[in-house]
Amino acid sequence: MEIGFFTLPEKIWNENKGKFEDNKLYSWDELEEFRKKNNFDYIEFMIEHMYYHNTLNQKPKSCKICHLSLLDTPLLHKENFEFVCNFHKMQILKYKKWFKIFDIHLPYRWLFVSKKVYLERIENFAKFLEKLAEEKKVKILLENELHSYEEFLVLTENYKNLGITFDLGHAYMSYVTKRCKIHPFKFFNKVFDKVENIHLMDSHRNWKIHHEHLSLGKGSLPIKKFLRILDHKGYDKMLTLEMLRIGDIKESKKYIQLC
């Protein structure tokens, strides 16, 4: 299994103070030195973390996957659908000279959109991405958000150029908020054959809107049990630690090694 980490965000939400606070940032050279010293395999470059975007004049050596900008939209009507498709195409065309793997946050179903309409649009979106990936010779990984298993199922079959990034925190959000009726581990088992990247962090189970990106073992998610599942299934692909501070990334790597 390859273990990597996210580029760090400029701001971190302070729940107690109810506001964002500055995060300590590191240059690309410092991140690369940290990666080597702590035996990480790769870095996942997140476009939305603008510090690294703005200081980027060439691809960092160890960035293996590009996490595209988040775009939450209901895919409700034709113009909206075309905008979403063009938005992702534009980003992939810009960065494909450096990256061959792209992570996309799949737009989830807003409550006022019927399941039937959403499933039609999301299947058309998958067909668009499959064609785009084939034409541009890239791999696209679709990341679960507030999805039911049924909504995600349409993306797990018949698309050779589309894989899945399984985000454990998002899976629990879907489960806690009753968007998904099956347990996250069962969800994972059902889509396992398409999973090529895992976003792992800890959190508490009583969230409704967002999940914290805590060090492994600092929240209440069953991280050890999930790691045992990965070991049992022989998972040997990417696992990205999605913490917000560099110390938490280092601590979480040690946590995995001790499990």
Protein backbone atom coordinates (compact mmCIF):
# COMPACT_ATOMS: atom_id res chain seq x y z
CA MET A 1 0.00 0.00 0.00
CA GLU A 2 1.26 3.46 -0.94
CA ILE A 3 0.79 6.11 1.75
CA GLY A 4 0.74 9.81 0.94
CA PHE A 5 -0.56 13.09 2.31
CA PHE A 6 -2.41 16.23 1.21
CA THR A 7 -0.92 19.63 0.54
CA LEU A 8 -1.78 21.71 3.59
CA PRO A 9 -4.51 24.40 3.60
CA GLU A 10 -3.78 28.05 4.32
CA LYS A 11 -6.62 28.34 6.82
CA ILE A 12 -8.04 25.97 9.45
CA TRP A 13 -11.50 26.31 10.97
CA ASN A 14 -11.44 26.80 14.73
CA GLU A 15 -14.69 25.31 16.04
CA ASN A 16 -14.38 26.93 19.48
CA LYS A 17 -13.74 30.42 18.13
CA GLY A 18 -16.09 30.06 15.17
CA LYS A 19 -13.59 31.40 12.64
CA PHE A 20 -10.72 30.43 10.35
CA GLU A 21 -7.15 30.76 11.58
CA ASP A 22 -3.87 30.80 9.67
CA ASN A 23 -2.13 27.46 9.25
CA LYS A 24 1.64 27.02 9.23
CA LEU A 25 2.76 26.47 5.66
CA TYR A 26 5.82 24.84 4.14
CA SER A 27 7.56 25.30 0.82
CA TRP A 28 7.56 22.55 -1.80
CA ASP A 29 11.16 21.73 -0.89
CA GLU A 30 10.21 21.43 2.80
CA LEU A 31 7.27 19.15 1.94
CA GLU A 32 9.52 16.98 -0.19
CA GLU A 33 12.10 16.78 2.60
CA PHE A 34 9.31 15.84 5.05
CA ARG A 35 8.04 13.17 2.64
CA LYS A 36 11.47 11.56 2.28
CA LYS A 37 12.34 11.74 5.98
CA ASN A 38 9.06 10.10 7.01
CA ASN A 39 8.96 7.56 4.17
CA PHE A 40 5.80 8.73 2.44
CA ASP A 41 5.31 7.55 -1.13
CA TYR A 42 3.62 10.59 -2.67
CA ILE A 43 1.86 13.92 -2.17
CA GLU A 44 -1.70 14.61 -3.31
CA PHE A 45 -1.81 18.11 -4.76
CA MET A 46 -5.06 19.94 -3.95
CA ILE A 47 -5.71 22.85 -6.28
CA GLU A 48 -7.91 24.64 -3.74
CA HIS A 49 -4.94 25.06 -1.39
CA MET A 50 -3.90 28.26 -3.12
CA TYR A 51 -0.51 28.72 -1.44
CA TYR A 52 0.89 25.72 -3.30
CA HIS A 53 -1.00 26.61 -6.46
CA ASN A 54 0.45 30.13 -6.47
CA THR A 55 4.03 29.00 -5.75
CA LEU A 56 3.94 26.23 -8.34
CA ASN A 57 6.18 26.81 -11.36
CA GLN A 58 6.73 23.14 -12.14
CA LYS A 59 5.29 19.86 -10.96
CA PRO A 60 6.72 18.80 -7.58
CA LYS A 61 8.53 15.49 -8.04
CA SER A 62 6.42 13.42 -5.67
CA CYS A 63 2.93 14.70 -6.52
CA LYS A 64 1.19 11.66 -7.96
CA ILE A 65 -2.46 12.72 -7.97
CA CYS A 66 -4.22 16.05 -8.51
CA HIS A 67 -7.27 16.83 -6.39
CA LEU A 68 -9.43 19.14 -8.49
CA SER A 69 -11.38 22.09 -7.11
CA LEU A 70 -14.54 21.27 -5.23
CA LEU A 71 -17.73 22.12 -7.11
CA ASP A 72 -20.96 21.26 -5.29
CA THR A 73 -23.93 21.64 -7.61
CA PRO A 74 -27.23 19.82 -8.12
CA LEU A 75 -26.71 19.15 -11.87
CA LEU A 76 -30.34 20.19 -12.14
CA HIS A 77 -30.74 21.65 -15.62
CA LYS A 78 -28.96 21.55 -18.99
CA GLU A 79 -26.97 24.78 -18.60
CA ASN A 80 -25.80 23.79 -15.14
CA PHE A 81 -24.78 20.34 -16.35
CA GLU A 82 -22.78 21.79 -19.26
CA PHE A 83 -21.02 24.20 -16.90
CA VAL A 84 -19.96 21.37 -14.58
CA CYS A 85 -18.62 19.32 -17.49
CA ASN A 86 -16.68 22.25 -18.96
CA PHE A 87 -15.33 23.22 -15.54
CA HIS A 88 -13.74 19.81 -14.97
CA LYS A 89 -12.54 19.52 -18.57
CA MET A 90 -10.78 22.89 -18.26
CA GLN A 91 -8.95 21.81 -15.10
CA ILE A 92 -7.86 18.47 -16.52
CA LEU A 93 -6.59 20.08 -19.73
CA LYS A 94 -4.56 22.55 -17.66
CA TYR A 95 -2.89 19.99 -15.40
CA LYS A 96 -2.64 16.82 -17.48
CA LYS A 97 0.91 17.73 -18.53
CA TRP A 98 1.91 17.02 -14.92
CA PHE A 99 -0.66 14.53 -13.65
CA LYS A 100 -2.17 11.31 -14.97
CA ILE A 101 -4.55 10.76 -12.04
CA PHE A 102 -7.29 13.22 -11.04
CA ASP A 103 -9.64 13.19 -8.05
CA ILE A 104 -13.08 14.73 -8.57
CA HIS A 105 -15.64 15.44 -5.85
CA LEU A 106 -18.78 14.00 -7.34
CA PRO A 107 -21.68 16.49 -7.06
CA TYR A 108 -24.20 15.08 -4.60
CA ARG A 109 -27.98 15.16 -4.77
CA TRP A 110 -29.50 18.26 -3.23
CA LEU A 111 -32.67 17.51 -1.32
CA PHE A 112 -34.96 19.34 -3.75
CA VAL A 113 -33.70 17.24 -6.69
CA SER A 114 -35.54 13.97 -7.25
CA LYS A 115 -33.50 10.77 -7.13
CA LYS A 116 -34.63 9.86 -10.66
CA VAL A 117 -33.40 13.16 -12.13
CA TYR A 118 -30.14 12.99 -10.18
CA LEU A 119 -29.37 9.43 -11.29
CA GLU A 120 -29.95 10.36 -14.93
CA ARG A 121 -27.65 13.37 -14.67
CA ILE A 122 -24.95 11.62 -12.70
CA GLU A 123 -24.86 8.75 -15.19
CA ASN A 124 -24.51 11.23 -18.05
CA PHE A 125 -21.74 12.95 -16.09
CA ALA A 126 -19.95 9.61 -15.68
CA LYS A 127 -20.22 8.98 -19.43
CA PHE A 128 -18.76 12.42 -20.10
CA LEU A 129 -15.84 11.81 -17.72
CA GLU A 130 -15.20 8.34 -19.15
CA LYS A 131 -14.92 9.79 -22.65
CA LEU A 132 -12.75 12.68 -21.42
CA ALA A 133 -10.40 10.32 -19.57
CA GLU A 134 -10.04 8.12 -22.63
CA GLU A 135 -9.39 11.04 -24.99
CA LYS A 136 -6.84 12.73 -22.70
CA LYS A 137 -5.27 9.47 -21.51
CA VAL A 138 -5.79 10.15 -17.80
CA LYS A 139 -7.39 8.27 -14.91
CA ILE A 140 -10.28 9.94 -13.09
CA LEU A 141 -11.18 8.93 -9.54
CA LEU A 142 -14.64 9.93 -8.31
CA GLU A 143 -14.85 10.74 -4.61
CA ASN A 144 -17.92 9.94 -2.53
CA GLU A 145 -19.56 12.78 -0.63
CA LEU A 146 -23.13 12.82 0.69
CA HIS A 147 -24.18 9.90 -1.49
CA SER A 148 -26.31 6.85 -1.02
CA TYR A 149 -24.90 3.59 -2.27
CA GLU A 150 -27.56 3.51 -5.00
CA GLU A 151 -26.45 6.92 -6.27
CA PHE A 152 -22.83 5.80 -6.38
CA LEU A 153 -23.62 2.42 -7.93
CA VAL A 154 -24.08 3.87 -11.42
CA LEU A 155 -20.37 4.79 -11.39
CA THR A 156 -18.97 1.40 -10.43
CA GLU A 157 -19.71 -0.54 -13.59
CA ASN A 158 -18.83 -0.30 -17.29
CA TYR A 159 -16.32 2.55 -16.95
CA LYS A 160 -12.76 1.37 -17.44
CA ASN A 161 -11.23 4.86 -17.05
CA LEU A 162 -13.14 5.79 -13.89
CA GLY A 163 -12.10 4.64 -10.45
CA ILE A 164 -13.12 5.63 -6.93
CA THR A 165 -11.54 7.61 -4.11
CA PHE A 166 -13.22 6.33 -0.96
CA ASP A 167 -13.39 9.02 1.73
CA LEU A 168 -14.14 7.43 5.11
CA GLY A 169 -15.23 10.72 6.71
CA HIS A 170 -17.66 11.47 3.88
CA ALA A 171 -19.05 7.93 4.10
CA TYR A 172 -19.80 8.43 7.79
CA MET A 173 -21.36 11.83 7.10
CA SER A 174 -23.71 10.18 4.61
CA TYR A 175 -24.54 7.46 7.11
CA VAL A 176 -25.10 9.77 10.09
CA THR A 177 -27.28 12.16 8.07
CA LYS A 178 -29.23 9.18 6.66
CA ARG A 179 -28.34 9.91 3.03
CA CYS A 180 -26.86 6.42 2.88
CA LYS A 181 -28.68 3.56 4.61
CA ILE A 182 -25.85 1.05 4.61
CA HIS A 183 -22.85 1.14 6.96
CA PRO A 184 -19.67 2.76 5.54
CA PHE A 185 -17.76 -0.54 5.73
CA LYS A 186 -20.46 -2.28 3.71
CA PHE A 187 -20.40 0.62 1.25
CA PHE A 188 -16.63 0.20 0.95
CA ASN A 189 -16.89 -3.54 0.38
CA LYS A 190 -19.43 -3.07 -2.40
CA VAL A 191 -17.25 -0.62 -4.35
CA PHE A 192 -13.87 -2.11 -3.37
CA ASP A 193 -12.92 -3.37 -6.83
CA LYS A 194 -13.02 0.20 -8.17
CA VAL A 195 -11.23 1.88 -5.24
CA GLU A 196 -7.79 3.22 -6.17
CA ASN A 197 -7.35 5.86 -3.47
CA ILE A 198 -8.56 6.23 0.12
CA HIS A 199 -8.85 9.51 2.02
CA LEU A 200 -8.31 8.75 5.68
CA MET A 201 -8.70 10.95 8.72
CA ASP A 202 -10.40 10.71 12.09
CA SER A 203 -13.47 12.60 13.24
CA HIS A 204 -16.33 12.52 15.70
CA ARG A 205 -19.63 10.89 14.84
CA ASN A 206 -21.99 13.65 15.92
CA TRP A 207 -21.28 16.05 13.06
CA LYS A 208 -24.02 17.09 10.67
CA ILE A 209 -22.42 19.53 8.25
CA HIS A 210 -18.69 18.82 8.16
CA HIS A 211 -16.14 16.41 9.56
CA GLU A 212 -12.94 17.32 11.36
CA HIS A 213 -9.66 16.18 9.84
CA LEU A 214 -8.13 14.81 13.03
CA SER A 215 -5.08 12.61 13.58
CA LEU A 216 -5.87 8.92 13.44
CA GLY A 217 -6.97 7.77 16.89
CA LYS A 218 -7.99 11.26 18.04
CA GLY A 219 -11.64 10.96 17.05
CA SER A 220 -14.28 8.28 17.33
CA LEU A 221 -14.18 6.60 13.93
CA PRO A 222 -13.24 2.88 13.99
CA ILE A 223 -9.91 3.48 12.27
CA LYS A 224 -8.20 0.32 13.54
CA LYS A 225 -11.06 -1.84 12.31
CA PHE A 226 -10.95 -0.14 8.90
CA LEU A 227 -7.18 -0.71 8.66
CA ARG A 228 -7.74 -4.39 9.47
CA ILE A 229 -10.27 -4.55 6.64
CA LEU A 230 -7.69 -3.09 4.25
CA ASP A 231 -5.13 -5.64 5.39
CA HIS A 232 -7.59 -8.53 5.10
CA LYS A 233 -8.61 -7.50 1.57
CA GLY A 234 -5.00 -7.01 0.50
CA TYR A 235 -5.48 -3.37 -0.47
CA ASP A 236 -2.27 -2.25 -2.18
CA LYS A 237 -3.12 1.09 -3.79
CA MET A 238 -3.06 4.70 -2.57
CA LEU A 239 -4.02 5.82 0.93
CA THR A 240 -3.90 9.58 1.43
CA LEU A 241 -3.75 11.04 4.94
CA GLU A 242 -6.09 14.03 4.91
CA MET A 243 -4.94 15.96 7.97
CA LEU A 244 -4.57 19.73 8.16
CA ARG A 245 -1.29 20.03 10.10
CA ILE A 246 2.04 18.46 9.30
CA GLY A 247 2.49 17.11 12.84
CA ASP A 248 -0.85 15.29 12.56
CA ILE A 249 0.27 13.70 9.29
CA LYS A 250 3.46 12.38 10.90
CA GLU A 251 1.56 11.13 13.95
CA SER A 252 -1.00 9.34 11.79
CA LYS A 253 1.69 7.56 9.78
CA LYS A 254 3.08 6.15 13.05
CA TYR A 255 -0.45 5.15 14.09
CA ILE A 256 -0.80 3.04 10.93
CA GLN A 257 2.58 1.41 11.50
CA LEU A 258 1.61 0.40 15.05
CA CYS A 259 -1.73 -1.13 14.05
